[in-house]
Amino acid sequence: MKFFSVYVTAATAAEAERIAARVVEEGLAACANVLPKIRSIYRWEGRLHRDPEAAMILKTTASRLRALMARIKTLHSYQVPCIVAWPIAAGHRPYLDWVAAECKRMPNTRWTIRKG
């Protein structure tokens, strides 16, 4: 089974916690770490910005990844949210087994994206 960490930024810690709780409740992610205070420096619409934000790191399975990313987009306040995923190359097997079990435990077919 393949696993992914998904990094997401949000405007506030409250927004990050709201999104994180929703996707965990829906079984799209096993867990989320909310980093309540980060500073992002980026260019948007021709201007350099330095803004306080919050971040999330979510853990999920390959079979839930597309649905998780789609769901985050529907919950997010940003026009172009940062949602990036990277594969987990290795990990503590009991933890990864738990991630797999949590992502299977509460299947939310409404947010399952099927191929084809």
N, C-alpha and C. Protein backbone atom coordinates (compact mmCIF):
# COMPACT_ATOMS: atom_id res chain seq x y z
N MET A 1 0.84 -1.17 0.00
CA MET A 1 0.00 0.00 0.00
C MET A 1 0.89 1.24 0.00
N LYS A 2 0.48 2.26 -0.74
CA LYS A 2 1.23 3.52 -0.80
C LYS A 2 0.56 4.57 0.08
N PHE A 3 1.42 5.41 0.69
CA PHE A 3 0.95 6.44 1.61
C PHE A 3 1.48 7.80 1.16
N PHE A 4 0.76 8.85 1.53
CA PHE A 4 1.13 10.21 1.16
C PHE A 4 1.00 11.15 2.34
N SER A 5 1.89 12.14 2.37
CA SER A 5 1.73 13.32 3.22
C SER A 5 1.24 14.43 2.32
N VAL A 6 0.27 15.18 2.80
CA VAL A 6 -0.31 16.27 2.02
C VAL A 6 -0.13 17.56 2.81
N TYR A 7 0.52 18.54 2.19
CA TYR A 7 0.80 19.83 2.81
C TYR A 7 -0.20 20.85 2.28
N VAL A 8 -0.84 21.57 3.18
CA VAL A 8 -1.86 22.56 2.81
C VAL A 8 -1.65 23.80 3.67
N THR A 9 -1.72 24.98 3.06
CA THR A 9 -1.72 26.21 3.85
C THR A 9 -3.14 26.75 3.91
N ALA A 10 -3.40 27.56 4.95
CA ALA A 10 -4.71 28.18 5.14
C ALA A 10 -4.52 29.58 5.69
N ALA A 11 -5.55 30.39 5.57
CA ALA A 11 -5.47 31.78 6.00
C ALA A 11 -5.28 31.91 7.51
N THR A 12 -5.92 31.02 8.27
CA THR A 12 -5.86 31.10 9.74
C THR A 12 -5.77 29.70 10.33
N ALA A 13 -5.38 29.64 11.60
CA ALA A 13 -5.36 28.35 12.30
C ALA A 13 -6.77 27.78 12.41
N ALA A 14 -7.76 28.65 12.59
CA ALA A 14 -9.15 28.18 12.70
C ALA A 14 -9.59 27.51 11.40
N GLU A 15 -9.24 28.10 10.26
CA GLU A 15 -9.59 27.48 8.99
C GLU A 15 -8.87 26.15 8.82
N ALA A 16 -7.60 26.10 9.15
CA ALA A 16 -6.84 24.85 9.04
C ALA A 16 -7.46 23.76 9.91
N GLU A 17 -7.82 24.11 11.14
CA GLU A 17 -8.43 23.12 12.04
C GLU A 17 -9.79 22.66 11.52
N ARG A 18 -10.56 23.57 10.95
CA ARG A 18 -11.88 23.22 10.41
C ARG A 18 -11.72 22.23 9.25
N ILE A 19 -10.82 22.54 8.33
CA ILE A 19 -10.58 21.65 7.19
C ILE A 19 -10.04 20.30 7.67
N ALA A 20 -9.06 20.34 8.56
CA ALA A 20 -8.44 19.11 9.06
C ALA A 20 -9.47 18.21 9.73
N ALA A 21 -10.29 18.79 10.60
CA ALA A 21 -11.29 17.99 11.30
C ALA A 21 -12.28 17.37 10.31
N ARG A 22 -12.69 18.12 9.33
CA ARG A 22 -13.68 17.62 8.37
C ARG A 22 -13.12 16.43 7.59
N VAL A 23 -11.90 16.56 7.04
CA VAL A 23 -11.38 15.47 6.20
C VAL A 23 -11.02 14.23 7.03
N VAL A 24 -10.64 14.43 8.29
CA VAL A 24 -10.40 13.27 9.16
C VAL A 24 -11.74 12.61 9.50
N GLU A 25 -12.75 13.41 9.85
CA GLU A 25 -14.08 12.86 10.14
C GLU A 25 -14.63 12.08 8.96
N GLU A 26 -14.36 12.55 7.76
CA GLU A 26 -14.88 11.91 6.55
C GLU A 26 -14.03 10.72 6.09
N GLY A 27 -12.95 10.42 6.80
CA GLY A 27 -12.12 9.28 6.47
C GLY A 27 -11.21 9.47 5.27
N LEU A 28 -11.04 10.72 4.85
CA LEU A 28 -10.16 10.99 3.71
C LEU A 28 -8.70 11.09 4.13
N ALA A 29 -8.46 11.39 5.40
CA ALA A 29 -7.11 11.42 5.97
C ALA A 29 -7.18 10.74 7.32
N ALA A 30 -6.10 10.10 7.71
CA ALA A 30 -6.06 9.44 9.01
C ALA A 30 -5.83 10.45 10.12
N CYS A 31 -5.02 11.46 9.85
CA CYS A 31 -4.74 12.47 10.86
C CYS A 31 -4.20 13.72 10.18
N ALA A 32 -4.17 14.78 10.97
CA ALA A 32 -3.66 16.06 10.47
C ALA A 32 -2.88 16.73 11.58
N ASN A 33 -1.74 17.28 11.22
CA ASN A 33 -0.98 18.13 12.12
C ASN A 33 -1.22 19.56 11.69
N VAL A 34 -1.70 20.40 12.60
CA VAL A 34 -1.94 21.80 12.29
C VAL A 34 -0.80 22.62 12.89
N LEU A 35 -0.13 23.36 12.02
CA LEU A 35 0.93 24.28 12.43
C LEU A 35 0.29 25.66 12.42
N PRO A 36 -0.07 26.21 13.59
CA PRO A 36 -0.93 27.38 13.63
C PRO A 36 -0.29 28.69 13.20
N LYS A 37 1.03 28.74 13.15
CA LYS A 37 1.65 30.03 12.87
C LYS A 37 2.86 29.85 11.96
N ILE A 38 2.66 30.17 10.68
CA ILE A 38 3.77 30.19 9.73
C ILE A 38 3.74 31.54 9.02
N ARG A 39 4.80 31.88 8.34
CA ARG A 39 4.83 33.10 7.53
C ARG A 39 5.12 32.67 6.10
N SER A 40 4.27 33.11 5.20
CA SER A 40 4.44 32.78 3.79
C SER A 40 4.86 34.02 3.02
N ILE A 41 5.82 33.84 2.15
CA ILE A 41 6.29 34.92 1.27
C ILE A 41 6.07 34.44 -0.15
N TYR A 42 5.29 35.20 -0.90
CA TYR A 42 4.90 34.77 -2.24
C TYR A 42 4.52 35.97 -3.09
N ARG A 43 4.50 35.77 -4.39
CA ARG A 43 4.05 36.80 -5.32
C ARG A 43 2.64 36.43 -5.77
N TRP A 44 1.74 37.40 -5.69
CA TRP A 44 0.36 37.19 -6.13
C TRP A 44 -0.12 38.46 -6.81
N GLU A 45 -0.62 38.29 -8.02
CA GLU A 45 -1.12 39.40 -8.83
C GLU A 45 -0.11 40.54 -8.92
N GLY A 46 1.16 40.16 -9.15
CA GLY A 46 2.22 41.13 -9.38
C GLY A 46 2.82 41.77 -8.15
N ARG A 47 2.34 41.42 -6.97
CA ARG A 47 2.84 42.01 -5.74
C ARG A 47 3.46 40.96 -4.83
N LEU A 48 4.54 41.35 -4.14
CA LEU A 48 5.16 40.46 -3.16
C LEU A 48 4.39 40.57 -1.84
N HIS A 49 4.01 39.42 -1.30
CA HIS A 49 3.26 39.37 -0.04
C HIS A 49 4.08 38.66 1.02
N ARG A 50 3.91 39.09 2.25
CA ARG A 50 4.46 38.42 3.44
C ARG A 50 3.30 38.33 4.42
N ASP A 51 2.71 37.15 4.50
CA ASP A 51 1.49 37.01 5.28
C ASP A 51 1.59 35.90 6.32
N PRO A 52 0.95 36.11 7.46
CA PRO A 52 0.82 35.00 8.42
C PRO A 52 -0.20 34.01 7.88
N GLU A 53 0.08 32.75 8.05
CA GLU A 53 -0.83 31.69 7.64
C GLU A 53 -0.72 30.55 8.65
N ALA A 54 -1.50 29.52 8.42
CA ALA A 54 -1.39 28.26 9.14
C ALA A 54 -1.12 27.17 8.10
N ALA A 55 -0.64 26.03 8.56
CA ALA A 55 -0.37 24.92 7.64
C ALA A 55 -0.89 23.63 8.24
N MET A 56 -1.14 22.68 7.37
CA MET A 56 -1.54 21.34 7.79
C MET A 56 -0.66 20.33 7.08
N ILE A 57 -0.38 19.25 7.77
CA ILE A 57 0.24 18.09 7.15
C ILE A 57 -0.70 16.93 7.43
N LEU A 58 -1.27 16.38 6.38
CA LEU A 58 -2.24 15.30 6.50
C LEU A 58 -1.61 14.00 6.01
N LYS A 59 -2.01 12.88 6.60
CA LYS A 59 -1.53 11.58 6.15
C LYS A 59 -2.70 10.79 5.59
N THR A 60 -2.48 10.20 4.40
CA THR A 60 -3.54 9.46 3.74
C THR A 60 -2.94 8.33 2.90
N THR A 61 -3.82 7.58 2.27
CA THR A 61 -3.41 6.50 1.38
C THR A 61 -3.53 6.94 -0.07
N ALA A 62 -2.87 6.23 -0.95
CA ALA A 62 -2.95 6.55 -2.38
C ALA A 62 -4.39 6.47 -2.88
N SER A 63 -5.15 5.54 -2.36
CA SER A 63 -6.53 5.38 -2.83
C SER A 63 -7.44 6.53 -2.39
N ARG A 64 -7.05 7.29 -1.39
CA ARG A 64 -7.86 8.42 -0.90
C ARG A 64 -7.31 9.78 -1.34
N LEU A 65 -6.14 9.80 -1.95
CA LEU A 65 -5.45 11.06 -2.23
C LEU A 65 -6.26 12.00 -3.11
N ARG A 66 -6.73 11.54 -4.24
CA ARG A 66 -7.47 12.43 -5.15
C ARG A 66 -8.73 12.98 -4.51
N ALA A 67 -9.46 12.13 -3.79
CA ALA A 67 -10.68 12.59 -3.12
C ALA A 67 -10.35 13.58 -2.02
N LEU A 68 -9.26 13.35 -1.29
CA LEU A 68 -8.84 14.28 -0.24
C LEU A 68 -8.53 15.65 -0.84
N MET A 69 -7.76 15.68 -1.90
CA MET A 69 -7.40 16.96 -2.52
C MET A 69 -8.63 17.68 -3.06
N ALA A 70 -9.54 16.94 -3.66
CA ALA A 70 -10.77 17.55 -4.17
C ALA A 70 -11.61 18.12 -3.04
N ARG A 71 -11.70 17.40 -1.94
CA ARG A 71 -12.49 17.86 -0.80
C ARG A 71 -11.88 19.10 -0.17
N ILE A 72 -10.57 19.14 -0.03
CA ILE A 72 -9.92 20.33 0.52
C ILE A 72 -10.26 21.55 -0.32
N LYS A 73 -10.24 21.39 -1.64
CA LYS A 73 -10.57 22.53 -2.52
C LYS A 73 -11.97 23.07 -2.23
N THR A 74 -12.93 22.19 -1.95
CA THR A 74 -14.30 22.65 -1.69
C THR A 74 -14.43 23.35 -0.34
N LEU A 75 -13.55 23.03 0.59
CA LEU A 75 -13.62 23.59 1.95
C LEU A 75 -12.77 24.85 2.12
N HIS A 76 -11.88 25.11 1.18
CA HIS A 76 -10.85 26.14 1.34
C HIS A 76 -11.35 27.52 0.92
N SER A 77 -10.84 28.55 1.61
CA SER A 77 -11.24 29.93 1.30
C SER A 77 -10.42 30.55 0.17
N TYR A 78 -9.26 29.99 -0.14
CA TYR A 78 -8.40 30.59 -1.16
C TYR A 78 -8.88 30.26 -2.57
N GLN A 79 -8.65 31.18 -3.47
CA GLN A 79 -8.94 30.96 -4.89
C GLN A 79 -8.02 29.88 -5.46
N VAL A 80 -6.75 29.91 -5.06
CA VAL A 80 -5.75 28.93 -5.52
C VAL A 80 -5.02 28.40 -4.28
N PRO A 81 -5.62 27.44 -3.58
CA PRO A 81 -4.98 26.95 -2.36
C PRO A 81 -3.73 26.11 -2.65
N CYS A 82 -2.79 26.19 -1.73
CA CYS A 82 -1.60 25.32 -1.78
C CYS A 82 -2.02 23.95 -1.26
N ILE A 83 -2.05 22.99 -2.14
CA ILE A 83 -2.33 21.59 -1.78
C ILE A 83 -1.31 20.76 -2.54
N VAL A 84 -0.30 20.27 -1.85
CA VAL A 84 0.72 19.46 -2.50
C VAL A 84 0.91 18.16 -1.73
N ALA A 85 1.20 17.10 -2.46
CA ALA A 85 1.36 15.79 -1.84
C ALA A 85 2.70 15.20 -2.23
N TRP A 86 3.27 14.47 -1.31
CA TRP A 86 4.49 13.73 -1.62
C TRP A 86 4.38 12.34 -1.02
N PRO A 87 4.93 11.35 -1.72
CA PRO A 87 4.84 9.98 -1.23
C PRO A 87 5.70 9.78 0.01
N ILE A 88 5.22 8.93 0.88
CA ILE A 88 5.98 8.54 2.07
C ILE A 88 6.84 7.35 1.65
N ALA A 89 8.14 7.53 1.62
CA ALA A 89 9.06 6.49 1.14
C ALA A 89 9.22 5.36 2.14
N ALA A 90 9.15 5.68 3.42
CA ALA A 90 9.31 4.68 4.47
C ALA A 90 8.66 5.23 5.73
N GLY A 91 8.33 4.34 6.65
CA GLY A 91 7.72 4.78 7.90
C GLY A 91 7.61 3.63 8.88
N HIS A 92 7.27 3.98 10.09
CA HIS A 92 7.05 3.01 11.16
C HIS A 92 5.83 2.17 10.80
N ARG A 93 6.03 0.89 10.56
CA ARG A 93 4.98 0.02 10.03
C ARG A 93 3.69 0.06 10.85
N PRO A 94 3.74 0.00 12.19
CA PRO A 94 2.47 0.07 12.92
C PRO A 94 1.72 1.39 12.68
N TYR A 95 2.45 2.48 12.52
CA TYR A 95 1.80 3.76 12.23
C TYR A 95 1.14 3.73 10.85
N LEU A 96 1.86 3.24 9.85
CA LEU A 96 1.31 3.16 8.50
C LEU A 96 0.11 2.22 8.44
N ASP A 97 0.15 1.13 9.21
CA ASP A 97 -1.00 0.24 9.29
C ASP A 97 -2.21 0.97 9.86
N TRP A 98 -1.96 1.81 10.86
CA TRP A 98 -3.04 2.61 11.46
C TRP A 98 -3.61 3.60 10.44
N VAL A 99 -2.73 4.26 9.67
CA VAL A 99 -3.20 5.18 8.63
C VAL A 99 -4.10 4.43 7.65
N ALA A 100 -3.67 3.26 7.23
CA ALA A 100 -4.46 2.46 6.28
C ALA A 100 -5.82 2.11 6.88
N ALA A 101 -5.83 1.69 8.13
CA ALA A 101 -7.08 1.30 8.78
C ALA A 101 -8.02 2.49 8.92
N GLU A 102 -7.50 3.64 9.29
CA GLU A 102 -8.33 4.83 9.46
C GLU A 102 -8.92 5.30 8.13
N CYS A 103 -8.16 5.20 7.08
CA CYS A 103 -8.66 5.64 5.78
C CYS A 103 -9.67 4.66 5.19
N LYS A 104 -9.69 3.43 5.68
CA LYS A 104 -10.68 2.44 5.24
C LYS A 104 -11.92 2.47 6.14
N ARG A 105 -11.73 2.88 7.39
CA ARG A 105 -12.77 2.77 8.41
C ARG A 105 -14.04 3.53 8.07
N MET A 106 -13.89 4.73 7.56
CA MET A 106 -15.06 5.56 7.30
C MET A 106 -15.12 5.98 5.84
N PRO A 107 -15.33 5.04 4.94
CA PRO A 107 -15.35 5.45 3.54
C PRO A 107 -16.48 6.44 3.28
N ASN A 108 -16.14 7.51 2.62
CA ASN A 108 -17.12 8.53 2.26
C ASN A 108 -17.25 8.49 0.75
N THR A 109 -18.21 7.74 0.25
CA THR A 109 -18.32 7.56 -1.19
C THR A 109 -18.66 8.85 -1.91
N ARG A 110 -19.23 9.81 -1.19
CA ARG A 110 -19.52 11.10 -1.82
C ARG A 110 -18.24 11.76 -2.32
N TRP A 111 -17.14 11.56 -1.62
CA TRP A 111 -15.89 12.21 -2.00
C TRP A 111 -14.89 11.25 -2.63
N THR A 112 -15.33 10.05 -2.98
CA THR A 112 -14.47 9.12 -3.69
C THR A 112 -14.52 9.46 -5.18
N ILE A 113 -13.37 9.67 -5.76
CA ILE A 113 -13.29 9.98 -7.19
C ILE A 113 -12.90 8.71 -7.93
N ARG A 114 -13.73 8.31 -8.83
CA ARG A 114 -13.46 7.08 -9.59
C ARG A 114 -12.78 7.42 -10.91
N LYS A 115 -11.89 6.52 -11.31
CA LYS A 115 -11.22 6.69 -12.61
C LYS A 115 -12.19 6.34 -13.72
N GLY A 116 -11.97 7.00 -14.88
CA GLY A 116 -12.76 6.65 -16.03
C GLY A 116 -13.89 7.55 -16.19
